[in-house]
Amino acid sequence: MRNMMFGLLAVGLLGTAIHARADVFFDAGVKLWYAEPKVADRAMMYGPSARMEVGDTYWMRASYLYGEYDFIRSREPRRVQDFGLHDAELMAGMNWDIFNFGVGARWMSVLIEEDVADGQRVRRPNAFGPAVSVGAAQSFAEWPWGFEGSPWGWYAGVTWMFYDLEDDDGEHVNLAAGITHVSHGMHKSIGYRFKETFDHERMEGFTAQLLFEF
């Protein structure tokens, strides 16, 4: 189901690009998220990120992040629980003025290694399902800022995975905002990302992205 949904989204956007007969712009690079779970150490999450735009109207984005952190269950005696985190999304949509709207899918997985009396136990709760997004992005060279020729800008957005097809109570909301800088074929951004997962742990922290034009 997961692979089929991702494939259908990609094929759908490609068909839109061909139909539109417009210029297609593609950027790819790396994304980081220095995430702090509510009750554990920070996790440096990292992975590939890509974006495609068809003219000024249609867009598609994809990213995958992975990171690890330790959860200290008790200090005396010391018991540590290892977590491996996966976070991915594939979204497609359209722009309207400075706003953007999208639909797609999100996936996240937590690899939990627990020390038990007879050895080690591994659990892997998953969450995968449809998602919607709304956001805005603008250059400071545009109205009402008016900094002519400025390579700087801002962005903000929210993505909501409203149904978990894996039935692991993984519905969640991502909120992010920050500043951008575009020059010499490089798109850079730095901001803050907040993730609230219903019935699971909240995560938040600074995020950064570097994309190269192709």
Protein backbone atom coordinates (compact mmCIF):
# COMPACT_ATOMS: atom_id res chain seq x y z
CA MET A 1 0.00 0.00 0.00
CA ARG A 2 2.77 2.44 0.94
CA ASN A 3 4.78 1.90 -2.26
CA MET A 4 1.66 2.05 -4.42
CA MET A 5 0.55 5.40 -3.01
CA PHE A 6 4.01 6.92 -3.42
CA GLY A 7 4.18 5.64 -6.99
CA LEU A 8 0.75 6.96 -7.94
CA LEU A 9 1.62 10.41 -6.63
CA ALA A 10 4.85 10.52 -8.62
CA VAL A 11 3.18 9.34 -11.84
CA GLY A 12 0.33 11.81 -11.36
CA LEU A 13 2.64 14.78 -11.01
CA LEU A 14 4.75 13.66 -13.99
CA GLY A 15 1.59 13.49 -16.09
CA THR A 16 0.66 16.98 -14.97
CA ALA A 17 4.11 18.24 -15.96
CA ILE A 18 3.84 16.75 -19.46
CA HIS A 19 0.32 18.12 -19.90
CA ALA A 20 1.32 21.59 -18.77
CA ARG A 21 4.26 21.72 -21.22
CA ALA A 22 5.94 24.18 -18.88
CA ASP A 23 9.49 24.50 -17.60
CA VAL A 24 10.39 21.91 -14.99
CA PHE A 25 12.84 22.82 -12.22
CA PHE A 26 14.49 20.19 -10.04
CA ASP A 27 16.48 20.65 -6.80
CA ALA A 28 18.04 17.94 -4.64
CA GLY A 29 20.25 17.89 -1.57
CA VAL A 30 20.24 17.10 2.13
CA LYS A 31 17.99 17.91 5.06
CA LEU A 32 18.81 17.94 8.79
CA TRP A 33 16.66 18.01 11.90
CA TYR A 34 18.25 18.33 15.34
CA ALA A 35 15.20 16.92 17.06
CA GLU A 36 14.60 16.80 20.79
CA PRO A 37 12.11 14.23 22.04
CA LYS A 38 10.20 15.41 25.08
CA VAL A 39 11.76 12.92 27.53
CA ALA A 40 15.06 11.88 25.93
CA ASP A 41 18.34 13.01 24.41
CA ARG A 42 18.50 14.91 21.13
CA ALA A 43 18.60 13.02 17.84
CA MET A 44 20.48 14.33 14.82
CA MET A 45 18.23 13.26 11.95
CA TYR A 46 19.48 13.56 8.39
CA GLY A 47 18.71 12.36 4.90
CA PRO A 48 18.03 13.25 1.25
CA SER A 49 15.54 15.85 0.14
CA ALA A 50 14.27 16.84 -3.32
CA ARG A 51 11.83 19.26 -4.90
CA MET A 52 10.38 19.64 -8.39
CA GLU A 53 8.42 22.60 -9.75
CA VAL A 54 6.42 22.81 -12.96
CA GLY A 55 6.30 26.42 -14.01
CA ASP A 56 5.07 28.66 -11.21
CA THR A 57 2.04 26.54 -10.38
CA TYR A 58 2.72 22.87 -9.61
CA TRP A 59 5.25 21.34 -7.24
CA MET A 60 6.33 18.07 -5.68
CA ARG A 61 8.61 17.44 -2.71
CA ALA A 62 10.06 14.36 -1.06
CA SER A 63 12.32 13.81 1.94
CA TYR A 64 13.61 11.04 4.18
CA LEU A 65 15.20 11.49 7.61
CA TYR A 66 16.86 8.99 9.93
CA GLY A 67 18.39 9.41 13.39
CA GLU A 68 19.03 7.68 16.71
CA TYR A 69 18.77 8.65 20.36
CA ASP A 70 18.93 7.09 23.82
CA PHE A 71 16.08 7.10 26.27
CA ILE A 72 17.24 6.69 29.87
CA ARG A 73 14.61 4.52 31.55
CA SER A 74 16.38 4.62 34.94
CA ARG A 75 19.67 5.91 36.33
CA GLU A 76 20.11 3.54 39.31
CA PRO A 77 20.59 0.93 37.96
CA ARG A 78 21.23 2.53 34.57
CA ARG A 79 18.85 1.23 31.92
CA VAL A 80 18.98 2.76 28.45
CA GLN A 81 16.48 2.19 25.68
CA ASP A 82 17.73 2.77 22.10
CA PHE A 83 15.47 4.36 19.52
CA GLY A 84 15.95 4.53 15.74
CA LEU A 85 13.70 7.02 13.99
CA HIS A 86 12.54 7.16 10.36
CA ASP A 87 10.52 10.06 8.96
CA ALA A 88 9.56 10.41 5.29
CA GLU A 89 7.05 12.20 3.12
CA LEU A 90 5.97 12.62 -0.49
CA MET A 91 3.73 15.58 -1.26
CA ALA A 92 2.43 17.23 -4.43
CA GLY A 93 0.34 20.33 -4.93
CA MET A 94 0.02 23.80 -6.37
CA ASN A 95 0.86 27.41 -5.57
CA TRP A 96 -1.51 30.34 -5.29
CA ASP A 97 0.26 33.66 -4.85
CA ILE A 98 2.59 33.18 -1.84
CA PHE A 99 0.55 30.20 -0.56
CA ASN A 100 0.97 26.51 -1.39
CA PHE A 101 -1.43 23.61 -0.91
CA GLY A 102 -0.62 19.91 -1.18
CA VAL A 103 -1.72 16.33 -0.66
CA GLY A 104 0.34 13.19 -0.32
CA ALA A 105 1.55 10.63 2.19
CA ARG A 106 3.76 10.51 5.26
CA TRP A 107 5.55 7.59 6.93
CA MET A 108 7.37 7.29 10.21
CA SER A 109 8.79 4.32 12.08
CA VAL A 110 10.43 3.89 15.47
CA LEU A 111 12.86 1.01 16.06
CA ILE A 112 12.85 0.34 19.81
CA GLU A 113 15.50 -1.92 21.35
CA GLU A 114 14.68 -2.97 24.90
CA ASP A 115 16.79 -4.93 27.38
CA VAL A 116 14.69 -7.63 29.02
CA ALA A 117 15.47 -10.47 31.43
CA ASP A 118 16.17 -13.05 28.71
CA GLY A 119 18.07 -10.77 26.29
CA GLN A 120 16.89 -7.99 23.98
CA ARG A 121 13.54 -7.32 22.44
CA VAL A 122 12.91 -5.19 19.36
CA ARG A 123 9.64 -3.43 18.59
CA ARG A 124 8.88 -1.38 15.48
CA PRO A 125 5.65 0.62 15.60
CA ASN A 126 4.90 2.16 12.20
CA ALA A 127 2.68 4.97 10.99
CA PHE A 128 1.75 5.54 7.36
CA GLY A 129 -1.13 7.41 5.84
CA PRO A 130 -2.53 10.27 3.75
CA ALA A 131 -1.53 13.83 4.55
CA VAL A 132 -2.47 17.39 3.59
CA SER A 133 -0.35 20.51 3.79
CA VAL A 134 -0.69 24.27 3.59
CA GLY A 135 2.09 26.82 3.71
CA ALA A 136 3.50 30.10 2.51
CA ALA A 137 6.87 31.30 1.22
CA GLN A 138 8.09 34.67 0.03
CA SER A 139 11.24 36.59 -0.86
CA PHE A 140 12.08 39.74 1.06
CA ALA A 141 12.55 41.36 -2.35
CA GLU A 142 8.76 41.23 -2.84
CA TRP A 143 5.96 43.41 -1.52
CA PRO A 144 5.48 44.45 1.28
CA TRP A 145 9.15 44.05 2.28
CA GLY A 146 10.68 45.78 -0.72
CA PHE A 147 14.35 44.81 -0.19
CA GLU A 148 15.19 44.94 -3.88
CA GLY A 149 17.53 42.17 -5.02
CA SER A 150 17.58 40.47 -1.63
CA PRO A 151 18.36 36.72 -1.78
CA TRP A 152 16.67 36.21 1.60
CA GLY A 153 13.12 35.10 2.27
CA TRP A 154 10.87 33.27 4.72
CA TYR A 155 8.68 30.18 4.83
CA ALA A 156 6.07 28.61 7.11
CA GLY A 157 3.86 25.58 6.81
CA VAL A 158 1.92 22.79 8.45
CA THR A 159 1.47 19.15 7.36
CA TRP A 160 -1.18 16.90 8.91
CA MET A 161 -1.21 13.12 8.57
CA PHE A 162 -4.83 12.66 9.56
CA TYR A 163 -5.21 8.87 9.29
CA ASP A 164 -2.83 6.02 10.14
CA LEU A 165 -3.29 3.07 7.79
CA GLU A 166 -0.99 0.97 10.01
CA ASP A 167 -3.39 1.48 12.93
CA ASP A 168 -0.59 2.34 15.39
CA ASP A 169 -2.13 5.67 16.50
CA GLY A 170 0.52 7.53 14.51
CA GLU A 171 -1.54 10.49 13.32
CA HIS A 172 0.59 13.62 13.66
CA VAL A 173 1.04 17.29 12.79
CA ASN A 174 4.28 18.95 11.63
CA LEU A 175 4.75 22.71 11.90
CA ALA A 176 7.84 24.47 10.55
CA ALA A 177 8.97 28.03 9.90
CA GLY A 178 12.24 29.73 9.07
CA ILE A 179 14.28 31.82 6.66
CA THR A 180 15.67 31.02 3.22
CA HIS A 181 18.61 32.15 1.09
CA VAL A 182 18.96 31.56 -2.65
CA SER A 183 22.18 32.23 -4.59
CA HIS A 184 24.46 30.57 -7.17
CA GLY A 185 22.07 27.68 -7.76
CA MET A 186 21.82 26.80 -4.07
CA HIS A 187 18.66 26.95 -1.97
CA LYS A 188 19.44 27.13 1.76
CA SER A 189 17.04 27.29 4.67
CA ILE A 190 17.17 27.18 8.44
CA GLY A 191 14.24 27.11 10.80
CA TYR A 192 12.44 25.31 13.59
CA ARG A 193 10.25 22.23 13.30
CA PHE A 194 7.64 21.04 15.79
CA LYS A 195 6.07 17.57 15.54
CA GLU A 196 3.10 16.54 17.64
CA THR A 197 2.16 12.86 17.40
CA PHE A 198 -1.12 11.85 18.95
CA ASP A 199 -0.65 9.15 21.62
CA HIS A 200 3.14 9.25 21.08
CA GLU A 201 6.07 11.49 21.95
CA ARG A 202 6.39 15.13 20.88
CA MET A 203 9.57 16.19 19.05
CA GLU A 204 10.94 19.62 18.16
CA GLY A 205 14.19 21.30 17.17
CA PHE A 206 16.16 23.28 14.61
CA THR A 207 16.07 22.16 11.01
CA ALA A 208 18.18 23.04 7.96
CA GLN A 209 18.18 22.19 4.27
CA LEU A 210 20.59 22.61 1.36
CA LEU A 211 19.36 22.00 -2.19
CA PHE A 212 21.26 22.30 -5.48
CA GLU A 213 19.59 23.22 -8.77
CA PHE A 214 19.84 20.71 -11.62
